[in-house]
Amino acid sequence: MPRLQCPCCQRPEGHCLCSLIPSLPSNTRVLILQHPSEAGHALNTARLAHLGLNNSELVITELVDPALWAAHEGEACVLFPGEGSQPLQPSSGKAIQLIVLDGTWRKARKLLHLNPALAALPRVSLAQVQPTRYRLRKAPGPEALSTVEAIVQALEVMEAPTSFQPLLAPFEALIDGQIQAMGDTVYQRNHGQGV
């Protein structure tokens, strides 16, 4: 028999995070393009970010319709570090659409490769990346953040001095719950000391 899930946060019944999810406004429209393989993942931080941001949309797809950003006001840019990306700047009140790719680095690059219109958009990155709080995954590098962390850090640059830290409350609870479920011994063996 399948486990019952909360229809909103999609966490197992008894582990619902909805009471921790804020309802935050933003001037920036956040479009999260989620690789299909991430949609059912137990640690789906993109969904948490979407649920907590009023001005956001979560689309699960591999082939992206440019109408997703073309139909909305504001310049669209893709949050993706690397060659050709420009450091994020305060938006100064102008309408901007921030497109965030949700998936492993390989899958995010695949989304860009499969979608020339998406790949042609300007790319932006965080000039200073705060360390990840994602204590359950080994990051490929210091710039590797969970989707919700990347969105929070980006919005705090673009819409300074507004704080988007409340978006991290359900994320912290999710991580703490997973660590508790695996037990301290397993956590320390796989993720503790020097990770």
C-alpha atoms as a PDB file:
ATOM      1  CA  MET A   1       0.000   0.000   0.000  1.00  0.00           C
ATOM      2  CA  PRO A   2       1.504   3.366  -1.009  1.00  0.00           C
ATOM      3  CA  ARG A   3       2.268   5.920   1.693  1.00  0.00           C
ATOM      4  CA  LEU A   4      -0.138   8.817   1.900  1.00  0.00           C
ATOM      5  CA  GLN A   5       1.345  12.167   0.919  1.00  0.00           C
ATOM      6  CA  CYS A   6       0.426  15.771   1.533  1.00  0.00           C
ATOM      7  CA  PRO A   7      -1.063  16.964  -1.784  1.00  0.00           C
ATOM      8  CA  CYS A   8       0.696  20.328  -1.435  1.00  0.00           C
ATOM      9  CA  CYS A   9       4.292  19.720  -0.312  1.00  0.00           C
ATOM     10  CA  GLN A  10       4.188  16.051  -1.406  1.00  0.00           C
ATOM     11  CA  ARG A  11       5.900  14.923   1.780  1.00  0.00           C
ATOM     12  CA  PRO A  12       4.717  11.727   3.507  1.00  0.00           C
ATOM     13  CA  GLU A  13       1.770  12.164   5.825  1.00  0.00           C
ATOM     14  CA  GLY A  14       3.143  12.980   9.273  1.00  0.00           C
ATOM     15  CA  HIS A  15       6.135  14.792   7.746  1.00  0.00           C
ATOM     16  CA  CYS A  16       4.219  17.613   6.052  1.00  0.00           C
ATOM     17  CA  LEU A  17       6.204  20.854   5.814  1.00  0.00           C
ATOM     18  CA  CYS A  18       3.324  23.149   4.843  1.00  0.00           C
ATOM     19  CA  SER A  19       3.160  24.898   8.223  1.00  0.00           C
ATOM     20  CA  LEU A  20       6.757  26.084   7.679  1.00  0.00           C
ATOM     21  CA  ILE A  21       6.304  27.275   4.092  1.00  0.00           C
ATOM     22  CA  PRO A  22       6.034  31.072   3.910  1.00  0.00           C
ATOM     23  CA  SER A  23       4.081  33.108   1.385  1.00  0.00           C
ATOM     24  CA  LEU A  24       6.645  35.616   0.142  1.00  0.00           C
ATOM     25  CA  PRO A  25       6.155  38.288  -2.504  1.00  0.00           C
ATOM     26  CA  SER A  26       8.963  39.166  -4.898  1.00  0.00           C
ATOM     27  CA  ASN A  27       9.361  41.672  -7.698  1.00  0.00           C
ATOM     28  CA  THR A  28      11.315  39.046  -9.622  1.00  0.00           C
ATOM     29  CA  ARG A  29       9.332  36.341 -11.342  1.00  0.00           C
ATOM     30  CA  VAL A  30      11.034  33.005 -10.669  1.00  0.00           C
ATOM     31  CA  LEU A  31      10.500  30.296 -13.277  1.00  0.00           C
ATOM     32  CA  ILE A  32      11.813  26.927 -12.103  1.00  0.00           C
ATOM     33  CA  LEU A  33      12.383  24.402 -14.872  1.00  0.00           C
ATOM     34  CA  GLN A  34      12.625  21.007 -13.240  1.00  0.00           C
ATOM     35  CA  HIS A  35      14.101  18.006 -14.997  1.00  0.00           C
ATOM     36  CA  PRO A  36      11.460  15.214 -14.879  1.00  0.00           C
ATOM     37  CA  SER A  37      13.774  12.891 -12.935  1.00  0.00           C
ATOM     38  CA  GLU A  38      13.803  15.367 -10.018  1.00  0.00           C
ATOM     39  CA  ALA A  39      10.034  15.677  -9.622  1.00  0.00           C
ATOM     40  CA  GLY A  40       9.555  12.620  -7.406  1.00  0.00           C
ATOM     41  CA  HIS A  41      12.740  13.092  -5.406  1.00  0.00           C
ATOM     42  CA  ALA A  42      12.267  12.982  -1.622  1.00  0.00           C
ATOM     43  CA  LEU A  43      14.395  16.118  -1.192  1.00  0.00           C
ATOM     44  CA  ASN A  44      12.575  18.250  -3.757  1.00  0.00           C
ATOM     45  CA  THR A  45      13.736  21.745  -2.791  1.00  0.00           C
ATOM     46  CA  ALA A  46      12.442  23.295  -6.028  1.00  0.00           C
ATOM     47  CA  ARG A  47       8.893  22.503  -4.953  1.00  0.00           C
ATOM     48  CA  LEU A  48       9.514  24.099  -1.544  1.00  0.00           C
ATOM     49  CA  ALA A  49      10.837  27.255  -3.218  1.00  0.00           C
ATOM     50  CA  HIS A  50       7.854  27.429  -5.555  1.00  0.00           C
ATOM     51  CA  LEU A  51       5.339  26.934  -2.749  1.00  0.00           C
ATOM     52  CA  GLY A  52       6.952  29.716  -0.710  1.00  0.00           C
ATOM     53  CA  LEU A  53       7.236  32.304  -3.497  1.00  0.00           C
ATOM     54  CA  ASN A  54       4.039  33.954  -4.702  1.00  0.00           C
ATOM     55  CA  ASN A  55       5.612  35.129  -7.972  1.00  0.00           C
ATOM     56  CA  SER A  56       6.947  31.766  -9.132  1.00  0.00           C
ATOM     57  CA  GLU A  57       6.098  28.941 -11.473  1.00  0.00           C
ATOM     58  CA  LEU A  58       7.370  25.355 -11.406  1.00  0.00           C
ATOM     59  CA  VAL A  59       7.364  23.502 -14.728  1.00  0.00           C
ATOM     60  CA  ILE A  60       8.461  19.875 -14.980  1.00  0.00           C
ATOM     61  CA  THR A  61       9.827  19.362 -18.484  1.00  0.00           C
ATOM     62  CA  GLU A  62      12.780  18.473 -20.645  1.00  0.00           C
ATOM     63  CA  LEU A  63      11.591  20.388 -23.709  1.00  0.00           C
ATOM     64  CA  VAL A  64      10.909  24.007 -22.797  1.00  0.00           C
ATOM     65  CA  ASP A  65       8.355  26.232 -24.505  1.00  0.00           C
ATOM     66  CA  PRO A  66       9.781  29.781 -24.823  1.00  0.00           C
ATOM     67  CA  ALA A  67       6.249  31.089 -24.163  1.00  0.00           C
ATOM     68  CA  LEU A  68       6.957  30.296 -20.490  1.00  0.00           C
ATOM     69  CA  TRP A  69       9.004  33.489 -20.304  1.00  0.00           C
ATOM     70  CA  ALA A  70       8.003  35.321 -23.481  1.00  0.00           C
ATOM     71  CA  ALA A  71       4.424  35.759 -22.283  1.00  0.00           C
ATOM     72  CA  HIS A  72       5.529  37.606 -19.136  1.00  0.00           C
ATOM     73  CA  GLU A  73       6.838  41.083 -18.464  1.00  0.00           C
ATOM     74  CA  GLY A  74      10.535  41.587 -17.838  1.00  0.00           C
ATOM     75  CA  GLU A  75      13.881  40.512 -19.191  1.00  0.00           C
ATOM     76  CA  ALA A  76      14.524  36.792 -18.731  1.00  0.00           C
ATOM     77  CA  CYS A  77      17.870  35.422 -17.594  1.00  0.00           C
ATOM     78  CA  VAL A  78      19.076  31.962 -16.577  1.00  0.00           C
ATOM     79  CA  LEU A  79      20.778  31.415 -13.221  1.00  0.00           C
ATOM     80  CA  PHE A  80      23.664  29.229 -14.344  1.00  0.00           C
ATOM     81  CA  PRO A  81      27.340  29.793 -13.502  1.00  0.00           C
ATOM     82  CA  GLY A  82      30.161  29.337 -15.941  1.00  0.00           C
ATOM     83  CA  GLU A  83      31.510  30.858 -19.078  1.00  0.00           C
ATOM     84  CA  GLY A  84      29.535  33.857 -20.282  1.00  0.00           C
ATOM     85  CA  SER A  85      27.559  34.354 -17.086  1.00  0.00           C
ATOM     86  CA  GLN A  86      27.427  37.806 -15.516  1.00  0.00           C
ATOM     87  CA  PRO A  87      27.326  38.405 -11.751  1.00  0.00           C
ATOM     88  CA  LEU A  88      23.821  39.105 -10.485  1.00  0.00           C
ATOM     89  CA  GLN A  89      23.085  42.749  -9.742  1.00  0.00           C
ATOM     90  CA  PRO A  90      20.289  44.495  -7.846  1.00  0.00           C
ATOM     91  CA  SER A  91      17.295  44.776 -10.163  1.00  0.00           C
ATOM     92  CA  SER A  92      16.646  48.422  -9.208  1.00  0.00           C
ATOM     93  CA  GLY A  93      12.911  47.854  -9.422  1.00  0.00           C
ATOM     94  CA  LYS A  94      12.818  46.771 -13.072  1.00  0.00           C
ATOM     95  CA  ALA A  95      10.888  43.637 -13.970  1.00  0.00           C
ATOM     96  CA  ILE A  96      13.123  40.598 -14.286  1.00  0.00           C
ATOM     97  CA  GLN A  97      12.409  36.912 -14.772  1.00  0.00           C
ATOM     98  CA  LEU A  98      14.913  34.575 -13.171  1.00  0.00           C
ATOM     99  CA  ILE A  99      14.928  31.117 -14.735  1.00  0.00           C
ATOM    100  CA  VAL A 100      16.336  28.437 -12.456  1.00  0.00           C
ATOM    101  CA  LEU A 101      17.196  24.938 -13.677  1.00  0.00           C
ATOM    102  CA  ASP A 102      16.493  22.160 -11.180  1.00  0.00           C
ATOM    103  CA  GLY A 103      18.435  18.952 -11.562  1.00  0.00           C
ATOM    104  CA  THR A 104      21.950  17.604 -11.271  1.00  0.00           C
ATOM    105  CA  TRP A 105      24.603  19.681 -13.073  1.00  0.00           C
ATOM    106  CA  ARG A 106      24.525  17.129 -15.907  1.00  0.00           C
ATOM    107  CA  LYS A 107      20.748  17.348 -16.240  1.00  0.00           C
ATOM    108  CA  ALA A 108      20.763  21.147 -16.042  1.00  0.00           C
ATOM    109  CA  ARG A 109      23.305  21.296 -18.870  1.00  0.00           C
ATOM    110  CA  LYS A 110      21.122  18.863 -20.824  1.00  0.00           C
ATOM    111  CA  LEU A 111      18.137  21.222 -20.429  1.00  0.00           C
ATOM    112  CA  LEU A 112      20.236  24.009 -21.960  1.00  0.00           C
ATOM    113  CA  HIS A 113      21.505  21.742 -24.742  1.00  0.00           C
ATOM    114  CA  LEU A 114      18.015  20.512 -25.704  1.00  0.00           C
ATOM    115  CA  ASN A 115      16.498  24.015 -25.688  1.00  0.00           C
ATOM    116  CA  PRO A 116      18.329  26.525 -27.925  1.00  0.00           C
ATOM    117  CA  ALA A 117      15.955  29.386 -27.010  1.00  0.00           C
ATOM    118  CA  LEU A 118      16.701  28.819 -23.331  1.00  0.00           C
ATOM    119  CA  ALA A 119      20.445  28.521 -23.974  1.00  0.00           C
ATOM    120  CA  ALA A 120      20.369  31.815 -25.899  1.00  0.00           C
ATOM    121  CA  LEU A 121      19.117  33.792 -22.887  1.00  0.00           C
ATOM    122  CA  PRO A 122      21.611  35.823 -20.841  1.00  0.00           C
ATOM    123  CA  ARG A 123      23.154  33.845 -17.982  1.00  0.00           C
ATOM    124  CA  VAL A 124      23.727  35.163 -14.491  1.00  0.00           C
ATOM    125  CA  SER A 125      25.520  33.763 -11.452  1.00  0.00           C
ATOM    126  CA  LEU A 126      26.126  34.563  -7.820  1.00  0.00           C
ATOM    127  CA  ALA A 127      29.278  36.634  -7.326  1.00  0.00           C
ATOM    128  CA  GLN A 128      29.613  35.412  -3.750  1.00  0.00           C
ATOM    129  CA  VAL A 129      28.146  32.036  -2.874  1.00  0.00           C
ATOM    130  CA  GLN A 130      27.292  31.358   0.753  1.00  0.00           C
ATOM    131  CA  PRO A 131      28.145  27.771   1.806  1.00  0.00           C
ATOM    132  CA  THR A 132      25.416  25.200   1.289  1.00  0.00           C
ATOM    133  CA  ARG A 133      23.347  23.972   4.224  1.00  0.00           C
ATOM    134  CA  TYR A 134      22.564  20.776   2.314  1.00  0.00           C
ATOM    135  CA  ARG A 135      24.218  18.346   4.714  1.00  0.00           C
ATOM    136  CA  LEU A 136      22.957  15.243   2.897  1.00  0.00           C
ATOM    137  CA  ARG A 137      24.704  15.524  -0.452  1.00  0.00           C
ATOM    138  CA  LYS A 138      28.318  15.853  -1.392  1.00  0.00           C
ATOM    139  CA  ALA A 139      28.596  18.975  -3.499  1.00  0.00           C
ATOM    140  CA  PRO A 140      30.720  18.877  -6.666  1.00  0.00           C
ATOM    141  CA  GLY A 141      32.136  22.299  -5.760  1.00  0.00           C
ATOM    142  CA  PRO A 142      31.736  25.294  -3.457  1.00  0.00           C
ATOM    143  CA  GLU A 143      29.229  26.941  -5.821  1.00  0.00           C
ATOM    144  CA  ALA A 144      26.880  23.925  -5.684  1.00  0.00           C
ATOM    145  CA  LEU A 145      23.687  24.804  -3.839  1.00  0.00           C
ATOM    146  CA  SER A 146      20.282  23.233  -3.573  1.00  0.00           C
ATOM    147  CA  THR A 147      17.688  24.924  -5.763  1.00  0.00           C
ATOM    148  CA  VAL A 148      15.985  26.687  -2.855  1.00  0.00           C
ATOM    149  CA  GLU A 149      19.333  27.981  -1.541  1.00  0.00           C
ATOM    150  CA  ALA A 150      20.308  29.315  -4.980  1.00  0.00           C
ATOM    151  CA  ILE A 151      16.959  31.090  -5.322  1.00  0.00           C
ATOM    152  CA  VAL A 152      17.220  32.652  -1.851  1.00  0.00           C
ATOM    153  CA  GLN A 153      20.753  33.897  -2.482  1.00  0.00           C
ATOM    154  CA  ALA A 154      19.847  35.233  -5.935  1.00  0.00           C
ATOM    155  CA  LEU A 155      16.748  37.079  -4.740  1.00  0.00           C
ATOM    156  CA  GLU A 156      18.639  38.596  -1.831  1.00  0.00           C
ATOM    157  CA  VAL A 157      21.100  40.116  -4.320  1.00  0.00           C
ATOM    158  CA  MET A 158      18.434  41.228  -6.783  1.00  0.00           C
ATOM    159  CA  GLU A 159      15.982  42.603  -4.228  1.00  0.00           C
ATOM    160  CA  ALA A 160      18.328  43.750  -1.441  1.00  0.00           C
ATOM    161  CA  PRO A 161      17.724  44.513   1.398  1.00  0.00           C
ATOM    162  CA  THR A 162      14.675  42.194   1.366  1.00  0.00           C
ATOM    163  CA  SER A 163      15.309  38.894   3.155  1.00  0.00           C
ATOM    164  CA  PHE A 164      14.128  35.614   1.666  1.00  0.00           C
ATOM    165  CA  GLN A 165      15.531  33.513   4.534  1.00  0.00           C
ATOM    166  CA  PRO A 166      12.043  32.254   5.552  1.00  0.00           C
ATOM    167  CA  LEU A 167      12.159  30.079   2.388  1.00  0.00           C
ATOM    168  CA  LEU A 168      14.898  28.060   4.087  1.00  0.00           C
ATOM    169  CA  ALA A 169      12.802  27.045   7.133  1.00  0.00           C
ATOM    170  CA  PRO A 170      11.074  24.084   5.414  1.00  0.00           C
ATOM    171  CA  PHE A 171      14.389  23.152   3.764  1.00  0.00           C
ATOM    172  CA  GLU A 172      16.139  22.997   7.165  1.00  0.00           C
ATOM    173  CA  ALA A 173      13.268  20.920   8.593  1.00  0.00           C
ATOM    174  CA  LEU A 174      13.452  18.577   5.578  1.00  0.00           C
ATOM    175  CA  ILE A 175      17.183  18.019   6.049  1.00  0.00           C
ATOM    176  CA  ASP A 176      16.841  17.589   9.836  1.00  0.00           C
ATOM    177  CA  GLY A 177      14.033  15.062   9.314  1.00  0.00           C
ATOM    178  CA  GLN A 178      16.078  13.027   6.840  1.00  0.00           C
ATOM    179  CA  ILE A 179      19.074  12.984   9.187  1.00  0.00           C
ATOM    180  CA  GLN A 180      16.862  11.912  12.088  1.00  0.00           C
ATOM    181  CA  ALA A 181      15.292   9.142   9.965  1.00  0.00           C
ATOM    182  CA  MET A 182      18.679   7.712   8.957  1.00  0.00           C
ATOM    183  CA  GLY A 183      20.042   7.844  12.511  1.00  0.00           C
ATOM    184  CA  ASP A 184      23.195   9.488  13.775  1.00  0.00           C
ATOM    185  CA  THR A 185      25.478   6.515  13.105  1.00  0.00           C
ATOM    186  CA  VAL A 186      24.514   6.246   9.430  1.00  0.00           C
ATOM    187  CA  TYR A 187      24.612  10.033   8.998  1.00  0.00           C
ATOM    188  CA  GLN A 188      28.109  10.307  10.514  1.00  0.00           C
ATOM    189  CA  ARG A 189      29.401   7.397   8.428  1.00  0.00           C
ATOM    190  CA  ASN A 190      28.088   8.836   5.146  1.00  0.00           C
ATOM    191  CA  HIS A 191      27.989  12.587   5.653  1.00  0.00           C
ATOM    192  CA  GLY A 192      29.825  13.577   8.835  1.00  0.00           C
ATOM    193  CA  GLN A 193      33.439  14.470   9.551  1.00  0.00           C
ATOM    194  CA  GLY A 194      35.078  16.333   6.732  1.00  0.00           C
ATOM    195  CA  VAL A 195      32.120  16.292   4.337  1.00  0.00           C
END
